[in-house]
Amino acid sequence: MKLIIRSLRVVSCLLAFLLTGLPGHAGEMLTDTTNLGDGLYLFHYGNQQSIFLVGSESVIVTDPLSKEAATVYRAAIAEVTDQPVTHVAYTSSFFDRVPGAQVFADEGAEVIAQENCKSNLMATPHPDALLPDRTYTDHASVSVGDVSLELYYFGQSFGTCLSVMIAKPANIMLVHTLVTPPASMVPQDPTLANYYLHNLLPFFVYVEELAAAQGVEHVVGSLAVEGAAPLASIELITEQRVFWDTLLRIVEVEYNKGTSARAIPKKADMKALSGYAGYDPRHIEIMMRRVYSLYRIGR
């Protein structure tokens, strides 16, 4: 697949990654737009990525990222097409992904998300995050002529309203944060604060089954990895599930032996996890204590 990359590089990659997420630095962020083919584009801002689809009628945008990023995002779209943005789809309700939709709503775009995202944003509002205009329960399809975005919900996973997205006809999948090309990874947050462990393995199985049923062959990430290709084989979904299955089973074995949460990291054999990207024994120890609660209280 031929990738056409337009880059607006202002500072070095290192500085851009250090500044990611900080307000007031829109002009200092590393940004680029990558054509993934069949009307699908990847917008890269700092260490965050979002996809948009250009159809024969209009444009579908996913996560605007922030108020500052959305302005740059809209300008990037304008370099690709003069079509209007008519839809914005949220992958989640996280504050590092959904603020900024007003930039697109100002031109009449409809905001779409899984129904729990609306509940979350109503309960804990963000000044720059718009409530969804339309919500769905299990599946929604957004079409703008010859392209569409398919959204699926498989229960609590990373947060309570994560949408698995498939861009059509490119047939490329995005699973926010849980799957990050180019390799299966140890989560960046060792406390696993946003992970619903009781449903994580079923979630991955559902996603694998969906990908097989839809004939999806590639996955794109919502987090940028410096120097990595934007796409990976759909097999990365399975590889990431195996990481979680391995971690959970290691803790389960020790739990069934009666090992305490504090002692599990000292007794468990972590060699099976050492080959994963981002592996840090100290982080794994913290994760194991968190996973212990899954077997103690069911979550």
C-alpha atoms as a PDB file:
ATOM      1  CA  MET A   1       0.000   0.000   0.000  1.00  0.00           C
ATOM      2  CA  LYS A   2       1.428   3.319  -1.052  1.00  0.00           C
ATOM      3  CA  LEU A   3       1.575   5.872   1.757  1.00  0.00           C
ATOM      4  CA  ILE A   4       1.612   9.580   0.929  1.00  0.00           C
ATOM      5  CA  ILE A   5       2.962  11.591   3.831  1.00  0.00           C
ATOM      6  CA  ARG A   6       2.705  15.335   4.282  1.00  0.00           C
ATOM      7  CA  SER A   7       4.707  16.598   7.218  1.00  0.00           C
ATOM      8  CA  LEU A   8       4.774  19.948   8.946  1.00  0.00           C
ATOM      9  CA  ARG A   9       7.738  19.600  11.247  1.00  0.00           C
ATOM     10  CA  VAL A  10       8.451  22.541  13.551  1.00  0.00           C
ATOM     11  CA  VAL A  11      10.698  21.023  16.202  1.00  0.00           C
ATOM     12  CA  SER A  12      12.445  17.733  16.743  1.00  0.00           C
ATOM     13  CA  CYS A  13      10.483  14.558  17.439  1.00  0.00           C
ATOM     14  CA  LEU A  14      11.819  14.441  20.979  1.00  0.00           C
ATOM     15  CA  LEU A  15      10.604  17.918  21.869  1.00  0.00           C
ATOM     16  CA  ALA A  16       7.257  17.266  20.203  1.00  0.00           C
ATOM     17  CA  PHE A  17       6.706  14.142  22.259  1.00  0.00           C
ATOM     18  CA  LEU A  18       7.658  15.934  25.487  1.00  0.00           C
ATOM     19  CA  LEU A  19       5.135  18.672  24.740  1.00  0.00           C
ATOM     20  CA  THR A  20       2.278  16.377  23.764  1.00  0.00           C
ATOM     21  CA  GLY A  21      -0.907  17.106  25.635  1.00  0.00           C
ATOM     22  CA  LEU A  22       0.242  20.446  27.039  1.00  0.00           C
ATOM     23  CA  PRO A  23      -2.064  23.361  26.256  1.00  0.00           C
ATOM     24  CA  GLY A  24      -0.824  26.342  24.322  1.00  0.00           C
ATOM     25  CA  HIS A  25       1.736  24.523  22.197  1.00  0.00           C
ATOM     26  CA  ALA A  26      -0.258  23.825  19.029  1.00  0.00           C
ATOM     27  CA  GLY A  27       2.394  25.539  16.928  1.00  0.00           C
ATOM     28  CA  GLU A  28       5.154  23.381  18.430  1.00  0.00           C
ATOM     29  CA  MET A  29       3.585  19.976  17.860  1.00  0.00           C
ATOM     30  CA  LEU A  30       4.796  17.460  15.331  1.00  0.00           C
ATOM     31  CA  THR A  31       1.880  16.997  12.926  1.00  0.00           C
ATOM     32  CA  ASP A  32       1.428  15.078   9.704  1.00  0.00           C
ATOM     33  CA  THR A  33      -1.259  13.473   7.588  1.00  0.00           C
ATOM     34  CA  THR A  34      -0.881  10.033   6.043  1.00  0.00           C
ATOM     35  CA  ASN A  35      -3.012   8.723   3.187  1.00  0.00           C
ATOM     36  CA  LEU A  36      -3.896   5.109   3.999  1.00  0.00           C
ATOM     37  CA  GLY A  37      -5.896   4.631   0.803  1.00  0.00           C
ATOM     38  CA  ASP A  38      -9.584   4.279  -0.098  1.00  0.00           C
ATOM     39  CA  GLY A  39     -10.446   7.660   1.394  1.00  0.00           C
ATOM     40  CA  LEU A  40      -8.883   6.942   4.803  1.00  0.00           C
ATOM     41  CA  TYR A  41      -6.310   9.303   6.350  1.00  0.00           C
ATOM     42  CA  LEU A  42      -4.328   9.260   9.575  1.00  0.00           C
ATOM     43  CA  PHE A  43      -3.871  12.590  11.389  1.00  0.00           C
ATOM     44  CA  HIS A  44      -0.880  12.696  13.749  1.00  0.00           C
ATOM     45  CA  TYR A  45      -0.564  15.357  16.442  1.00  0.00           C
ATOM     46  CA  GLY A  46       2.175  14.998  19.041  1.00  0.00           C
ATOM     47  CA  ASN A  47       1.936  11.402  20.239  1.00  0.00           C
ATOM     48  CA  GLN A  48      -1.771  11.139  19.426  1.00  0.00           C
ATOM     49  CA  GLN A  49      -3.333   9.912  16.205  1.00  0.00           C
ATOM     50  CA  SER A  50      -6.841  10.073  14.787  1.00  0.00           C
ATOM     51  CA  ILE A  51      -8.384   8.907  11.523  1.00  0.00           C
ATOM     52  CA  PHE A  52     -10.676  10.683   9.096  1.00  0.00           C
ATOM     53  CA  LEU A  53     -12.521   9.473   6.012  1.00  0.00           C
ATOM     54  CA  VAL A  54     -13.074  11.503   2.868  1.00  0.00           C
ATOM     55  CA  GLY A  55     -16.130  10.391   0.942  1.00  0.00           C
ATOM     56  CA  SER A  56     -17.879  11.506  -2.213  1.00  0.00           C
ATOM     57  CA  GLU A  57     -20.264  13.657  -0.160  1.00  0.00           C
ATOM     58  CA  SER A  58     -18.367  14.822   2.936  1.00  0.00           C
ATOM     59  CA  VAL A  59     -15.847  13.929   5.651  1.00  0.00           C
ATOM     60  CA  ILE A  60     -16.084  11.783   8.802  1.00  0.00           C
ATOM     61  CA  VAL A  61     -13.676  12.759  11.576  1.00  0.00           C
ATOM     62  CA  THR A  62     -12.801  10.700  14.636  1.00  0.00           C
ATOM     63  CA  ASP A  63     -11.463  12.008  17.964  1.00  0.00           C
ATOM     64  CA  PRO A  64     -10.626  15.738  17.668  1.00  0.00           C
ATOM     65  CA  LEU A  65      -8.012  15.256  20.472  1.00  0.00           C
ATOM     66  CA  SER A  66      -8.111  18.776  21.963  1.00  0.00           C
ATOM     67  CA  LYS A  67      -9.285  22.311  21.276  1.00  0.00           C
ATOM     68  CA  GLU A  68      -5.818  23.207  20.020  1.00  0.00           C
ATOM     69  CA  ALA A  69      -5.372  20.029  17.968  1.00  0.00           C
ATOM     70  CA  ALA A  70      -8.796  20.323  16.329  1.00  0.00           C
ATOM     71  CA  THR A  71      -7.851  23.600  14.652  1.00  0.00           C
ATOM     72  CA  VAL A  72      -4.744  22.005  13.164  1.00  0.00           C
ATOM     73  CA  TYR A  73      -6.776  18.896  12.333  1.00  0.00           C
ATOM     74  CA  ARG A  74      -9.316  20.937  10.360  1.00  0.00           C
ATOM     75  CA  ALA A  75      -6.544  22.667   8.428  1.00  0.00           C
ATOM     76  CA  ALA A  76      -4.993  19.292   7.603  1.00  0.00           C
ATOM     77  CA  ILE A  77      -8.308  18.069   6.228  1.00  0.00           C
ATOM     78  CA  ALA A  78      -8.604  21.218   4.111  1.00  0.00           C
ATOM     79  CA  GLU A  79      -5.271  20.336   2.484  1.00  0.00           C
ATOM     80  CA  VAL A  80      -6.777  17.017   1.385  1.00  0.00           C
ATOM     81  CA  THR A  81     -10.291  18.050   0.366  1.00  0.00           C
ATOM     82  CA  ASP A  82     -12.719  20.952   0.283  1.00  0.00           C
ATOM     83  CA  GLN A  83     -15.570  18.668   1.356  1.00  0.00           C
ATOM     84  CA  PRO A  84     -17.368  19.678   4.591  1.00  0.00           C
ATOM     85  CA  VAL A  85     -17.017  17.687   7.805  1.00  0.00           C
ATOM     86  CA  THR A  86     -20.461  16.290   8.604  1.00  0.00           C
ATOM     87  CA  HIS A  87     -19.716  13.745  11.327  1.00  0.00           C
ATOM     88  CA  VAL A  88     -17.408  13.413  14.334  1.00  0.00           C
ATOM     89  CA  ALA A  89     -17.139   9.990  15.998  1.00  0.00           C
ATOM     90  CA  TYR A  90     -15.662   9.508  19.475  1.00  0.00           C
ATOM     91  CA  THR A  91     -13.702   6.366  20.303  1.00  0.00           C
ATOM     92  CA  SER A  92     -14.261   7.003  24.019  1.00  0.00           C
ATOM     93  CA  SER A  93     -14.987   9.778  26.495  1.00  0.00           C
ATOM     94  CA  PHE A  94     -11.394  10.365  27.588  1.00  0.00           C
ATOM     95  CA  PHE A  95     -10.300  13.971  27.924  1.00  0.00           C
ATOM     96  CA  ASP A  96      -7.151  13.408  25.837  1.00  0.00           C
ATOM     97  CA  ARG A  97      -9.303  12.356  22.860  1.00  0.00           C
ATOM     98  CA  VAL A  98     -12.689  14.070  22.665  1.00  0.00           C
ATOM     99  CA  PRO A  99     -12.286  17.815  23.393  1.00  0.00           C
ATOM    100  CA  GLY A 100     -12.297  20.106  20.376  1.00  0.00           C
ATOM    101  CA  ALA A 101     -15.326  18.906  18.430  1.00  0.00           C
ATOM    102  CA  GLN A 102     -16.750  22.434  18.438  1.00  0.00           C
ATOM    103  CA  VAL A 103     -14.394  23.249  15.565  1.00  0.00           C
ATOM    104  CA  PHE A 104     -16.321  20.767  13.426  1.00  0.00           C
ATOM    105  CA  ALA A 105     -19.740  21.405  14.980  1.00  0.00           C
ATOM    106  CA  ASP A 106     -19.413  25.037  13.883  1.00  0.00           C
ATOM    107  CA  GLU A 107     -19.800  23.822  10.298  1.00  0.00           C
ATOM    108  CA  GLY A 108     -22.745  21.601  11.200  1.00  0.00           C
ATOM    109  CA  ALA A 109     -21.030  18.295  12.039  1.00  0.00           C
ATOM    110  CA  GLU A 110     -22.956  15.732  14.084  1.00  0.00           C
ATOM    111  CA  VAL A 111     -21.150  14.114  17.035  1.00  0.00           C
ATOM    112  CA  ILE A 112     -21.642  10.349  17.468  1.00  0.00           C
ATOM    113  CA  ALA A 113     -20.533   8.073  20.326  1.00  0.00           C
ATOM    114  CA  GLN A 114     -21.490   4.973  22.276  1.00  0.00           C
ATOM    115  CA  GLU A 115     -24.293   5.801  24.720  1.00  0.00           C
ATOM    116  CA  ASN A 116     -22.137   5.420  27.837  1.00  0.00           C
ATOM    117  CA  CYS A 117     -19.842   8.176  26.554  1.00  0.00           C
ATOM    118  CA  LYS A 118     -22.708  10.638  26.763  1.00  0.00           C
ATOM    119  CA  SER A 119     -23.465   9.541  30.322  1.00  0.00           C
ATOM    120  CA  ASN A 120     -19.803   9.926  31.245  1.00  0.00           C
ATOM    121  CA  LEU A 121     -19.523  13.426  29.771  1.00  0.00           C
ATOM    122  CA  MET A 122     -22.742  14.491  31.452  1.00  0.00           C
ATOM    123  CA  ALA A 123     -21.541  13.224  34.823  1.00  0.00           C
ATOM    124  CA  THR A 124     -18.040  14.697  34.490  1.00  0.00           C
ATOM    125  CA  PRO A 125     -18.146  17.450  31.858  1.00  0.00           C
ATOM    126  CA  HIS A 126     -15.148  18.980  30.151  1.00  0.00           C
ATOM    127  CA  PRO A 127     -15.413  22.601  28.972  1.00  0.00           C
ATOM    128  CA  ASP A 128     -14.136  21.716  25.483  1.00  0.00           C
ATOM    129  CA  ALA A 129     -15.900  18.360  25.037  1.00  0.00           C
ATOM    130  CA  LEU A 130     -19.268  18.353  23.294  1.00  0.00           C
ATOM    131  CA  LEU A 131     -21.950  15.865  24.251  1.00  0.00           C
ATOM    132  CA  PRO A 132     -22.796  13.450  21.431  1.00  0.00           C
ATOM    133  CA  ASP A 133     -25.769  14.422  19.275  1.00  0.00           C
ATOM    134  CA  ARG A 134     -26.390  10.767  18.477  1.00  0.00           C
ATOM    135  CA  THR A 135     -25.575   7.653  20.476  1.00  0.00           C
ATOM    136  CA  TYR A 136     -25.676   3.936  19.780  1.00  0.00           C
ATOM    137  CA  THR A 137     -25.804   0.778  21.893  1.00  0.00           C
ATOM    138  CA  ASP A 138     -23.996  -2.058  20.094  1.00  0.00           C
ATOM    139  CA  HIS A 139     -23.346  -1.008  16.498  1.00  0.00           C
ATOM    140  CA  ALA A 140     -23.615   2.100  14.364  1.00  0.00           C
ATOM    141  CA  SER A 141     -22.721   2.893  10.774  1.00  0.00           C
ATOM    142  CA  VAL A 142     -21.901   6.365   9.471  1.00  0.00           C
ATOM    143  CA  SER A 143     -21.838   6.725   5.682  1.00  0.00           C
ATOM    144  CA  VAL A 144     -20.850   9.683   3.493  1.00  0.00           C
ATOM    145  CA  GLY A 145     -21.343   8.323   0.024  1.00  0.00           C
ATOM    146  CA  ASP A 146     -18.695   5.806  -0.965  1.00  0.00           C
ATOM    147  CA  VAL A 147     -17.008   5.495   2.456  1.00  0.00           C
ATOM    148  CA  SER A 148     -18.325   4.586   5.895  1.00  0.00           C
ATOM    149  CA  LEU A 149     -17.215   4.208   9.485  1.00  0.00           C
ATOM    150  CA  GLU A 150     -18.477   1.202  11.428  1.00  0.00           C
ATOM    151  CA  LEU A 151     -18.571   1.472  15.234  1.00  0.00           C
ATOM    152  CA  TYR A 152     -18.897  -1.503  17.582  1.00  0.00           C
ATOM    153  CA  TYR A 153     -19.224  -1.754  21.358  1.00  0.00           C
ATOM    154  CA  PHE A 154     -18.230  -4.915  23.221  1.00  0.00           C
ATOM    155  CA  GLY A 155     -18.652  -3.794  26.819  1.00  0.00           C
ATOM    156  CA  GLN A 156     -16.307  -2.268  29.361  1.00  0.00           C
ATOM    157  CA  SER A 157     -12.685  -2.608  28.302  1.00  0.00           C
ATOM    158  CA  PHE A 158     -10.499   0.496  28.212  1.00  0.00           C
ATOM    159  CA  GLY A 159     -13.033   2.761  29.858  1.00  0.00           C
ATOM    160  CA  THR A 160     -16.773   2.163  29.734  1.00  0.00           C
ATOM    161  CA  CYS A 161     -17.660   3.266  26.194  1.00  0.00           C
ATOM    162  CA  LEU A 162     -14.821   2.262  23.868  1.00  0.00           C
ATOM    163  CA  SER A 163     -15.831   2.046  20.213  1.00  0.00           C
ATOM    164  CA  VAL A 164     -13.944  -0.346  17.970  1.00  0.00           C
ATOM    165  CA  MET A 165     -13.869   1.307  14.546  1.00  0.00           C
ATOM    166  CA  ILE A 166     -13.567  -0.097  11.032  1.00  0.00           C
ATOM    167  CA  ALA A 167     -13.089   2.251   8.077  1.00  0.00           C
ATOM    168  CA  LYS A 168     -14.723   1.057   4.851  1.00  0.00           C
ATOM    169  CA  PRO A 169     -13.768   0.296   2.108  1.00  0.00           C
ATOM    170  CA  ALA A 170     -10.169   0.530   3.398  1.00  0.00           C
ATOM    171  CA  ASN A 171     -11.153  -2.197   5.902  1.00  0.00           C
ATOM    172  CA  ILE A 172      -8.709  -0.928   8.527  1.00  0.00           C
ATOM    173  CA  MET A 173      -9.479  -1.238  12.228  1.00  0.00           C
ATOM    174  CA  LEU A 174      -8.715   1.119  15.121  1.00  0.00           C
ATOM    175  CA  VAL A 175      -8.856  -0.024  18.770  1.00  0.00           C
ATOM    176  CA  HIS A 176      -7.958   3.035  20.840  1.00  0.00           C
ATOM    177  CA  THR A 177      -4.921   2.481  23.144  1.00  0.00           C
ATOM    178  CA  LEU A 178      -5.502  -1.270  23.599  1.00  0.00           C
ATOM    179  CA  VAL A 179      -3.767  -2.090  20.302  1.00  0.00           C
ATOM    180  CA  THR A 180      -0.813   0.058  19.237  1.00  0.00           C
ATOM    181  CA  PRO A 181       1.274  -0.799  16.158  1.00  0.00           C
ATOM    182  CA  PRO A 182       3.912  -1.936  15.538  1.00  0.00           C
ATOM    183  CA  ALA A 183       4.009  -4.494  18.375  1.00  0.00           C
ATOM    184  CA  SER A 184       2.033  -5.864  21.296  1.00  0.00           C
ATOM    185  CA  MET A 185       2.848  -3.724  24.305  1.00  0.00           C
ATOM    186  CA  VAL A 186       2.860  -3.532  28.071  1.00  0.00           C
ATOM    187  CA  PRO A 187       0.387  -0.747  29.015  1.00  0.00           C
ATOM    188  CA  GLN A 188       1.980   2.621  29.685  1.00  0.00           C
ATOM    189  CA  ASP A 189      -0.028   3.038  32.915  1.00  0.00           C
ATOM    190  CA  PRO A 190       0.998   0.245  35.320  1.00  0.00           C
ATOM    191  CA  THR A 191      -1.893   1.031  37.673  1.00  0.00           C
ATOM    192  CA  LEU A 192      -4.325  -0.055  34.917  1.00  0.00           C
ATOM    193  CA  ALA A 193      -6.658   2.667  36.117  1.00  0.00           C
ATOM    194  CA  ASN A 194      -8.892   2.609  33.023  1.00  0.00           C
ATOM    195  CA  TYR A 195      -8.849  -1.136  32.371  1.00  0.00           C
ATOM    196  CA  TYR A 196     -11.875  -3.304  33.101  1.00  0.00           C
ATOM    197  CA  LEU A 197     -10.054  -6.575  33.571  1.00  0.00           C
ATOM    198  CA  HIS A 198     -13.140  -8.750  34.050  1.00  0.00           C
ATOM    199  CA  ASN A 199     -14.155  -8.180  30.412  1.00  0.00           C
ATOM    200  CA  LEU A 200     -10.790  -7.656  28.763  1.00  0.00           C
ATOM    201  CA  LEU A 201     -10.222 -11.163  27.404  1.00  0.00           C
ATOM    202  CA  PRO A 202     -13.805 -11.512  26.108  1.00  0.00           C
ATOM    203  CA  PHE A 203     -13.416  -8.073  24.525  1.00  0.00           C
ATOM    204  CA  PHE A 204     -10.353  -9.160  22.568  1.00  0.00           C
ATOM    205  CA  VAL A 205     -12.075 -12.359  21.458  1.00  0.00           C
ATOM    206  CA  TYR A 206     -15.040 -10.344  20.173  1.00  0.00           C
ATOM    207  CA  VAL A 207     -12.684  -8.021  18.281  1.00  0.00           C
ATOM    208  CA  GLU A 208     -10.818 -10.964  16.746  1.00  0.00           C
ATOM    209  CA  GLU A 209     -14.111 -12.493  15.632  1.00  0.00           C
ATOM    210  CA  LEU A 210     -15.269  -9.182  14.185  1.00  0.00           C
ATOM    211  CA  ALA A 211     -12.030  -8.744  12.234  1.00  0.00           C
ATOM    212  CA  ALA A 212     -12.311 -12.272  10.838  1.00  0.00           C
ATOM    213  CA  ALA A 213     -15.958 -11.799   9.874  1.00  0.00           C
ATOM    214  CA  GLN A 214     -15.230  -8.475   8.145  1.00  0.00           C
ATOM    215  CA  GLY A 215     -12.034  -9.644   6.460  1.00  0.00           C
ATOM    216  CA  VAL A 216      -9.963  -6.938   8.187  1.00  0.00           C
ATOM    217  CA  GLU A 217      -6.240  -7.370   7.586  1.00  0.00           C
ATOM    218  CA  HIS A 218      -4.705  -4.235   9.133  1.00  0.00           C
ATOM    219  CA  VAL A 219      -4.973  -2.206  12.306  1.00  0.00           C
ATOM    220  CA  VAL A 220      -3.976   1.430  12.897  1.00  0.00           C
ATOM    221  CA  GLY A 221      -3.033   2.930  16.247  1.00  0.00           C
ATOM    222  CA  SER A 222      -4.376   5.892  18.193  1.00  0.00           C
ATOM    223  CA  LEU A 223      -0.952   6.417  19.780  1.00  0.00           C
ATOM    224  CA  ALA A 224       2.074   7.277  17.662  1.00  0.00           C
ATOM    225  CA  VAL A 225       5.280   5.286  18.034  1.00  0.00           C
ATOM    226  CA  GLU A 226       8.273   7.173  16.689  1.00  0.00           C
ATOM    227  CA  GLY A 227       9.701   5.581  13.561  1.00  0.00           C
ATOM    228  CA  ALA A 228       6.959   2.954  13.301  1.00  0.00           C
ATOM    229  CA  ALA A 229       4.793   2.273  10.266  1.00  0.00           C
ATOM    230  CA  PRO A 230       1.214   3.467  10.780  1.00  0.00           C
ATOM    231  CA  LEU A 231      -0.290   0.054  10.035  1.00  0.00           C
ATOM    232  CA  ALA A 232       0.235  -3.418  11.451  1.00  0.00           C
ATOM    233  CA  SER A 233      -1.171  -6.836  10.650  1.00  0.00           C
ATOM    234  CA  ILE A 234      -4.497  -7.645  12.281  1.00  0.00           C
ATOM    235  CA  GLU A 235      -2.621 -10.465  14.027  1.00  0.00           C
ATOM    236  CA  LEU A 236      -1.518  -7.785  16.489  1.00  0.00           C
ATOM    237  CA  ILE A 237      -4.988  -8.052  18.059  1.00  0.00           C
ATOM    238  CA  THR A 238      -4.326 -11.687  18.941  1.00  0.00           C
ATOM    239  CA  GLU A 239      -0.806 -10.956  20.127  1.00  0.00           C
ATOM    240  CA  GLN A 240      -2.108  -8.304  22.506  1.00  0.00           C
ATOM    241  CA  ARG A 241      -4.780 -10.677  23.821  1.00  0.00           C
ATOM    242  CA  VAL A 242      -2.078 -13.249  24.523  1.00  0.00           C
ATOM    243  CA  PHE A 243      -0.213 -10.659  26.617  1.00  0.00           C
ATOM    244  CA  TRP A 244      -3.279 -10.094  28.797  1.00  0.00           C
ATOM    245  CA  ASP A 245      -4.056 -13.794  29.018  1.00  0.00           C
ATOM    246  CA  THR A 246      -0.487 -14.506  30.098  1.00  0.00           C
ATOM    247  CA  LEU A 247      -0.457 -11.770  32.739  1.00  0.00           C
ATOM    248  CA  LEU A 248      -3.818 -12.785  34.171  1.00  0.00           C
ATOM    249  CA  ARG A 249      -2.950 -16.501  34.275  1.00  0.00           C
ATOM    250  CA  ILE A 250       0.362 -15.840  36.064  1.00  0.00           C
ATOM    251  CA  VAL A 251      -1.473 -13.954  38.801  1.00  0.00           C
ATOM    252  CA  GLU A 252      -4.310 -16.482  38.932  1.00  0.00           C
ATOM    253  CA  VAL A 253      -1.884 -19.335  39.593  1.00  0.00           C
ATOM    254  CA  GLU A 254      -0.319 -17.503  42.524  1.00  0.00           C
ATOM    255  CA  TYR A 255      -3.714 -16.385  43.841  1.00  0.00           C
ATOM    256  CA  ASN A 256      -4.946 -19.982  43.874  1.00  0.00           C
ATOM    257  CA  LYS A 257      -1.853 -20.909  45.875  1.00  0.00           C
ATOM    258  CA  GLY A 258      -2.884 -18.372  48.507  1.00  0.00           C
ATOM    259  CA  THR A 259      -0.035 -15.968  47.699  1.00  0.00           C
ATOM    260  CA  SER A 260      -0.757 -12.440  48.926  1.00  0.00           C
ATOM    261  CA  ALA A 261      -0.990  -9.490  46.544  1.00  0.00           C
ATOM    262  CA  ARG A 262       2.224  -8.041  47.947  1.00  0.00           C
ATOM    263  CA  ALA A 263       4.115 -11.309  47.542  1.00  0.00           C
ATOM    264  CA  ILE A 264       2.900 -12.288  44.078  1.00  0.00           C
ATOM    265  CA  PRO A 265       5.454 -10.135  42.165  1.00  0.00           C
ATOM    266  CA  LYS A 266       8.276 -11.709  44.201  1.00  0.00           C
ATOM    267  CA  LYS A 267       7.159 -15.284  43.551  1.00  0.00           C
ATOM    268  CA  ALA A 268       5.706 -15.127  40.045  1.00  0.00           C
ATOM    269  CA  ASP A 269       7.807 -16.027  37.007  1.00  0.00           C
ATOM    270  CA  MET A 270       7.635 -13.005  34.699  1.00  0.00           C
ATOM    271  CA  LYS A 271       9.917 -14.318  31.926  1.00  0.00           C
ATOM    272  CA  ALA A 272       6.945 -14.942  29.630  1.00  0.00           C
ATOM    273  CA  LEU A 273       6.248 -11.188  29.619  1.00  0.00           C
ATOM    274  CA  SER A 274       9.788  -9.958  29.079  1.00  0.00           C
ATOM    275  CA  GLY A 275       9.588  -9.929  25.290  1.00  0.00           C
ATOM    276  CA  TYR A 276       6.775  -7.393  25.062  1.00  0.00           C
ATOM    277  CA  ALA A 277       7.432  -3.791  24.045  1.00  0.00           C
ATOM    278  CA  GLY A 278       7.717  -1.465  27.031  1.00  0.00           C
ATOM    279  CA  TYR A 279       8.508  -4.293  29.454  1.00  0.00           C
ATOM    280  CA  ASP A 280       9.613  -3.029  32.860  1.00  0.00           C
ATOM    281  CA  PRO A 281       9.675  -5.464  35.815  1.00  0.00           C
ATOM    282  CA  ARG A 282       8.663  -2.691  38.211  1.00  0.00           C
ATOM    283  CA  HIS A 283       5.604  -1.895  36.112  1.00  0.00           C
ATOM    284  CA  ILE A 284       4.657  -5.554  35.855  1.00  0.00           C
ATOM    285  CA  GLU A 285       4.838  -5.844  39.650  1.00  0.00           C
ATOM    286  CA  ILE A 286       2.352  -2.987  40.017  1.00  0.00           C
ATOM    287  CA  MET A 287       0.086  -4.557  37.401  1.00  0.00           C
ATOM    288  CA  MET A 288       0.136  -7.897  39.190  1.00  0.00           C
ATOM    289  CA  ARG A 289      -1.120  -6.312  42.381  1.00  0.00           C
ATOM    290  CA  ARG A 290      -3.922  -4.693  40.411  1.00  0.00           C
ATOM    291  CA  VAL A 291      -4.787  -7.970  38.657  1.00  0.00           C
ATOM    292  CA  TYR A 292      -4.937  -9.657  42.069  1.00  0.00           C
ATOM    293  CA  SER A 293      -8.156  -7.724  42.716  1.00  0.00           C
ATOM    294  CA  LEU A 294      -9.732  -9.376  39.665  1.00  0.00           C
ATOM    295  CA  TYR A 295      -9.518 -12.755  41.388  1.00  0.00           C
ATOM    296  CA  ARG A 296     -10.281 -11.400  44.855  1.00  0.00           C
ATOM    297  CA  ILE A 297     -13.398  -9.356  44.050  1.00  0.00           C
ATOM    298  CA  GLY A 298     -14.152 -10.209  40.416  1.00  0.00           C
ATOM    299  CA  ARG A 299     -13.039  -6.884  38.917  1.00  0.00           C
END
